[in-house]
Amino acid sequence: VQVRGTARVAPTDSAGRFTLRDLAPGIVALEVRAPGFAPVIVSDIAVSTAKPAEVVVRMQAVDVRLQTVTTRPRAFDVQLPALLPTIGLNWEF
């Protein structure tokens, strides 16, 4: 959630709730974005010191097209030094 025209942002919790503190009184617009949803702009929100503004945002799900990534299995060469330290392990049960 971002206050339009500013750098002020607020993360949402798992239920989508957010809090923006210390906004100057006036009229603001919010831009709300979430992966898999169309962005929403909510305008004409009255910010007051008298009481918190409650904003309900309805978001529309959209198809997300991800870029195709192709992976291929391939062995990689590991260059080990000629002399490796030897570690002895004792296992007791």
N, C-alpha and C. Protein backbone atom coordinates (compact mmCIF):
# COMPACT_ATOMS: atom_id res chain seq x y z
N VAL A 1 0.86 -1.17 0.00
CA VAL A 1 0.00 0.00 0.00
C VAL A 1 0.90 1.23 0.00
N GLN A 2 0.66 2.14 -0.93
CA GLN A 2 1.47 3.36 -1.03
C GLN A 2 0.56 4.57 -1.12
N VAL A 3 0.94 5.63 -0.41
CA VAL A 3 0.24 6.91 -0.54
C VAL A 3 0.71 7.52 -1.85
N ARG A 4 -0.22 7.73 -2.79
CA ARG A 4 0.15 8.23 -4.11
C ARG A 4 0.86 9.58 -4.02
N GLY A 5 1.91 9.73 -4.83
CA GLY A 5 2.66 10.97 -4.86
C GLY A 5 3.67 11.12 -3.74
N THR A 6 3.84 10.07 -2.95
CA THR A 6 4.82 10.10 -1.85
C THR A 6 5.60 8.79 -1.85
N ALA A 7 6.57 8.73 -0.97
CA ALA A 7 7.32 7.48 -0.77
C ALA A 7 6.76 6.70 0.40
N ARG A 8 5.67 7.16 0.99
CA ARG A 8 5.08 6.50 2.17
C ARG A 8 4.42 5.20 1.77
N VAL A 9 4.86 4.10 2.37
CA VAL A 9 4.31 2.78 2.10
C VAL A 9 4.03 2.07 3.42
N ALA A 10 3.16 1.09 3.34
CA ALA A 10 2.86 0.25 4.50
C ALA A 10 2.65 -1.18 4.02
N PRO A 11 3.29 -2.13 4.70
CA PRO A 11 3.04 -3.53 4.34
C PRO A 11 1.68 -3.96 4.90
N THR A 12 1.13 -5.00 4.32
CA THR A 12 -0.11 -5.56 4.85
C THR A 12 0.22 -6.82 5.65
N ASP A 13 -0.69 -7.16 6.55
CA ASP A 13 -0.52 -8.42 7.26
C ASP A 13 -1.16 -9.54 6.43
N SER A 14 -1.23 -10.74 6.98
CA SER A 14 -1.73 -11.89 6.23
C SER A 14 -3.22 -11.74 5.87
N ALA A 15 -3.94 -10.89 6.57
CA ALA A 15 -5.35 -10.65 6.27
C ALA A 15 -5.54 -9.42 5.37
N GLY A 16 -4.44 -8.76 5.00
CA GLY A 16 -4.54 -7.59 4.13
C GLY A 16 -4.70 -6.28 4.87
N ARG A 17 -4.64 -6.29 6.19
CA ARG A 17 -4.78 -5.04 6.97
C ARG A 17 -3.48 -4.27 6.96
N PHE A 18 -3.58 -2.96 7.00
CA PHE A 18 -2.39 -2.11 7.01
C PHE A 18 -2.67 -0.87 7.85
N THR A 19 -1.60 -0.22 8.28
CA THR A 19 -1.70 1.03 9.04
C THR A 19 -0.67 2.01 8.51
N LEU A 20 -1.11 3.21 8.23
CA LEU A 20 -0.22 4.31 7.86
C LEU A 20 -0.33 5.35 8.96
N ARG A 21 0.73 5.57 9.69
CA ARG A 21 0.72 6.50 10.82
C ARG A 21 1.33 7.84 10.42
N ASP A 22 0.94 8.85 11.16
CA ASP A 22 1.52 10.19 11.04
C ASP A 22 1.37 10.83 9.66
N LEU A 23 0.24 10.58 9.02
CA LEU A 23 -0.05 11.28 7.76
C LEU A 23 -0.58 12.66 8.09
N ALA A 24 -0.21 13.63 7.30
CA ALA A 24 -0.74 14.98 7.50
C ALA A 24 -2.23 14.99 7.15
N PRO A 25 -3.04 15.75 7.90
CA PRO A 25 -4.46 15.85 7.57
C PRO A 25 -4.65 16.37 6.15
N GLY A 26 -5.67 15.85 5.50
CA GLY A 26 -5.97 16.25 4.13
C GLY A 26 -6.60 15.11 3.36
N ILE A 27 -6.61 15.23 2.06
CA ILE A 27 -7.18 14.21 1.19
C ILE A 27 -6.02 13.48 0.49
N VAL A 28 -6.03 12.16 0.56
CA VAL A 28 -4.97 11.37 -0.07
C VAL A 28 -5.59 10.29 -0.97
N ALA A 29 -4.74 9.71 -1.78
CA ALA A 29 -5.11 8.55 -2.59
C ALA A 29 -4.12 7.44 -2.28
N LEU A 30 -4.60 6.23 -2.27
CA LEU A 30 -3.75 5.07 -2.01
C LEU A 30 -3.66 4.20 -3.26
N GLU A 31 -2.49 3.63 -3.47
CA GLU A 31 -2.32 2.64 -4.52
C GLU A 31 -2.02 1.31 -3.84
N VAL A 32 -2.82 0.31 -4.17
CA VAL A 32 -2.69 -0.99 -3.53
C VAL A 32 -2.30 -2.01 -4.59
N ARG A 33 -1.25 -2.75 -4.31
CA ARG A 33 -0.76 -3.78 -5.24
C ARG A 33 -0.51 -5.08 -4.48
N ALA A 34 -0.80 -6.18 -5.16
CA ALA A 34 -0.51 -7.50 -4.61
C ALA A 34 -0.28 -8.46 -5.78
N PRO A 35 0.66 -9.39 -5.64
CA PRO A 35 0.89 -10.34 -6.73
C PRO A 35 -0.38 -11.13 -7.04
N GLY A 36 -0.68 -11.24 -8.32
CA GLY A 36 -1.87 -11.98 -8.73
C GLY A 36 -3.15 -11.17 -8.75
N PHE A 37 -3.05 -9.85 -8.47
CA PHE A 37 -4.22 -8.97 -8.46
C PHE A 37 -3.93 -7.71 -9.27
N ALA A 38 -4.98 -7.16 -9.85
CA ALA A 38 -4.83 -5.89 -10.57
C ALA A 38 -4.62 -4.78 -9.56
N PRO A 39 -3.74 -3.81 -9.86
CA PRO A 39 -3.54 -2.68 -8.95
C PRO A 39 -4.85 -1.89 -8.78
N VAL A 40 -5.02 -1.33 -7.60
CA VAL A 40 -6.22 -0.54 -7.30
C VAL A 40 -5.78 0.81 -6.76
N ILE A 41 -6.41 1.88 -7.24
CA ILE A 41 -6.19 3.22 -6.69
C ILE A 41 -7.48 3.65 -6.01
N VAL A 42 -7.35 4.00 -4.74
CA VAL A 42 -8.49 4.49 -3.96
C VAL A 42 -8.25 5.97 -3.71
N SER A 43 -9.12 6.82 -4.26
CA SER A 43 -8.94 8.27 -4.16
C SER A 43 -9.87 8.86 -3.10
N ASP A 44 -9.61 10.12 -2.80
CA ASP A 44 -10.46 10.92 -1.92
C ASP A 44 -10.64 10.34 -0.52
N ILE A 45 -9.54 9.92 0.07
CA ILE A 45 -9.57 9.44 1.45
C ILE A 45 -9.25 10.61 2.36
N ALA A 46 -10.16 10.92 3.26
CA ALA A 46 -9.98 12.04 4.18
C ALA A 46 -9.14 11.59 5.38
N VAL A 47 -7.99 12.22 5.55
CA VAL A 47 -7.12 11.94 6.69
C VAL A 47 -7.35 13.04 7.71
N SER A 48 -7.63 12.62 8.94
CA SER A 48 -7.95 13.56 10.01
C SER A 48 -7.24 13.13 11.28
N THR A 49 -6.98 14.10 12.15
CA THR A 49 -6.40 13.76 13.46
C THR A 49 -7.49 13.30 14.41
N ALA A 50 -8.76 13.51 14.06
CA ALA A 50 -9.88 13.18 14.94
C ALA A 50 -10.11 11.67 15.06
N LYS A 51 -10.03 10.96 13.94
CA LYS A 51 -10.26 9.51 14.00
C LYS A 51 -9.58 8.84 12.80
N PRO A 52 -9.24 7.56 12.96
CA PRO A 52 -8.61 6.84 11.86
C PRO A 52 -9.58 6.66 10.69
N ALA A 53 -9.05 6.66 9.49
CA ALA A 53 -9.86 6.38 8.31
C ALA A 53 -9.81 4.88 8.05
N GLU A 54 -10.96 4.29 7.81
CA GLU A 54 -11.00 2.88 7.48
C GLU A 54 -11.26 2.77 5.99
N VAL A 55 -10.41 2.03 5.31
CA VAL A 55 -10.50 1.89 3.86
C VAL A 55 -10.65 0.41 3.52
N VAL A 56 -11.69 0.09 2.77
CA VAL A 56 -11.89 -1.28 2.32
C VAL A 56 -11.57 -1.31 0.83
N VAL A 57 -10.66 -2.18 0.46
CA VAL A 57 -10.21 -2.27 -0.93
C VAL A 57 -10.61 -3.63 -1.47
N ARG A 58 -11.32 -3.63 -2.57
CA ARG A 58 -11.68 -4.87 -3.25
C ARG A 58 -10.74 -5.03 -4.44
N MET A 59 -10.06 -6.17 -4.48
CA MET A 59 -9.09 -6.39 -5.55
C MET A 59 -9.59 -7.49 -6.48
N GLN A 60 -9.25 -7.34 -7.75
CA GLN A 60 -9.65 -8.29 -8.77
C GLN A 60 -8.48 -9.20 -9.12
N ALA A 61 -8.69 -10.50 -9.00
CA ALA A 61 -7.63 -11.45 -9.36
C ALA A 61 -7.37 -11.39 -10.86
N VAL A 62 -6.12 -11.51 -11.25
CA VAL A 62 -5.74 -11.52 -12.66
C VAL A 62 -4.80 -12.70 -12.91
N ASP A 63 -4.78 -13.15 -14.17
CA ASP A 63 -3.83 -14.18 -14.54
C ASP A 63 -2.43 -13.60 -14.52
N VAL A 64 -1.52 -14.34 -13.97
CA VAL A 64 -0.13 -13.92 -13.93
C VAL A 64 0.65 -14.80 -14.88
N ARG A 65 1.32 -14.19 -15.81
CA ARG A 65 2.15 -14.94 -16.75
C ARG A 65 3.61 -14.74 -16.36
N LEU A 66 4.21 -15.84 -16.00
CA LEU A 66 5.60 -15.78 -15.59
C LEU A 66 6.50 -16.12 -16.78
N GLN A 67 7.68 -15.59 -16.75
CA GLN A 67 8.65 -15.87 -17.79
C GLN A 67 9.09 -17.33 -17.69
N THR A 68 9.25 -17.97 -18.83
CA THR A 68 9.70 -19.35 -18.86
C THR A 68 11.18 -19.43 -18.53
N VAL A 69 11.51 -20.36 -17.67
CA VAL A 69 12.90 -20.60 -17.32
C VAL A 69 13.20 -22.06 -17.63
N THR A 70 14.24 -22.29 -18.39
CA THR A 70 14.63 -23.66 -18.74
C THR A 70 15.89 -24.02 -17.99
N THR A 71 15.85 -25.17 -17.34
CA THR A 71 17.03 -25.65 -16.64
C THR A 71 17.44 -26.98 -17.25
N ARG A 72 18.72 -27.23 -17.27
CA ARG A 72 19.25 -28.48 -17.80
C ARG A 72 20.21 -29.07 -16.77
N PRO A 73 20.04 -30.35 -16.49
CA PRO A 73 21.00 -30.97 -15.55
C PRO A 73 22.36 -31.09 -16.22
N ARG A 74 23.37 -30.84 -15.44
CA ARG A 74 24.72 -30.92 -15.97
C ARG A 74 25.66 -31.15 -14.81
N ALA A 75 26.57 -32.07 -15.01
CA ALA A 75 27.58 -32.30 -13.98
C ALA A 75 28.54 -31.13 -13.99
N PHE A 76 29.05 -30.79 -12.86
CA PHE A 76 30.03 -29.72 -12.81
C PHE A 76 31.36 -30.28 -12.33
N ASP A 77 32.39 -29.70 -12.79
CA ASP A 77 33.73 -30.16 -12.43
C ASP A 77 34.14 -29.52 -11.11
N VAL A 78 34.60 -30.38 -10.22
CA VAL A 78 35.12 -29.89 -8.95
C VAL A 78 36.62 -30.15 -8.96
N GLN A 79 37.38 -29.11 -8.88
CA GLN A 79 38.84 -29.23 -8.86
C GLN A 79 39.30 -29.30 -7.41
N LEU A 80 39.72 -30.46 -7.00
CA LEU A 80 40.18 -30.63 -5.63
C LEU A 80 41.70 -30.49 -5.58
N PRO A 81 42.19 -29.89 -4.52
CA PRO A 81 43.64 -29.80 -4.39
C PRO A 81 44.25 -31.20 -4.32
N ALA A 82 45.49 -31.33 -4.78
CA ALA A 82 46.17 -32.63 -4.80
C ALA A 82 46.32 -33.21 -3.40
N LEU A 83 46.59 -32.37 -2.41
CA LEU A 83 46.78 -32.83 -1.04
C LEU A 83 45.64 -32.32 -0.19
N LEU A 84 44.82 -33.24 0.28
CA LEU A 84 43.72 -32.87 1.16
C LEU A 84 44.03 -33.36 2.56
N PRO A 85 43.72 -32.56 3.56
CA PRO A 85 43.91 -33.05 4.93
C PRO A 85 42.97 -34.23 5.18
N THR A 86 43.43 -35.16 5.96
CA THR A 86 42.62 -36.34 6.27
C THR A 86 42.03 -36.16 7.66
N ILE A 87 40.77 -36.46 7.76
CA ILE A 87 40.08 -36.36 9.04
C ILE A 87 39.62 -37.76 9.42
N GLY A 88 39.98 -38.19 10.61
CA GLY A 88 39.53 -39.50 11.08
C GLY A 88 38.26 -39.34 11.91
N LEU A 89 37.30 -40.22 11.68
CA LEU A 89 36.07 -40.17 12.43
C LEU A 89 35.88 -41.49 13.16
N ASN A 90 35.50 -41.43 14.41
CA ASN A 90 35.17 -42.60 15.19
C ASN A 90 33.69 -42.51 15.55
N TRP A 91 33.00 -43.57 15.25
CA TRP A 91 31.58 -43.62 15.61
C TRP A 91 31.39 -44.68 16.67
N GLU A 92 30.74 -44.31 17.74
CA GLU A 92 30.42 -45.27 18.79
C GLU A 92 28.92 -45.23 19.02
N PHE A 93 28.34 -46.40 19.13
CA PHE A 93 26.91 -46.48 19.40
C PHE A 93 26.67 -47.12 20.72
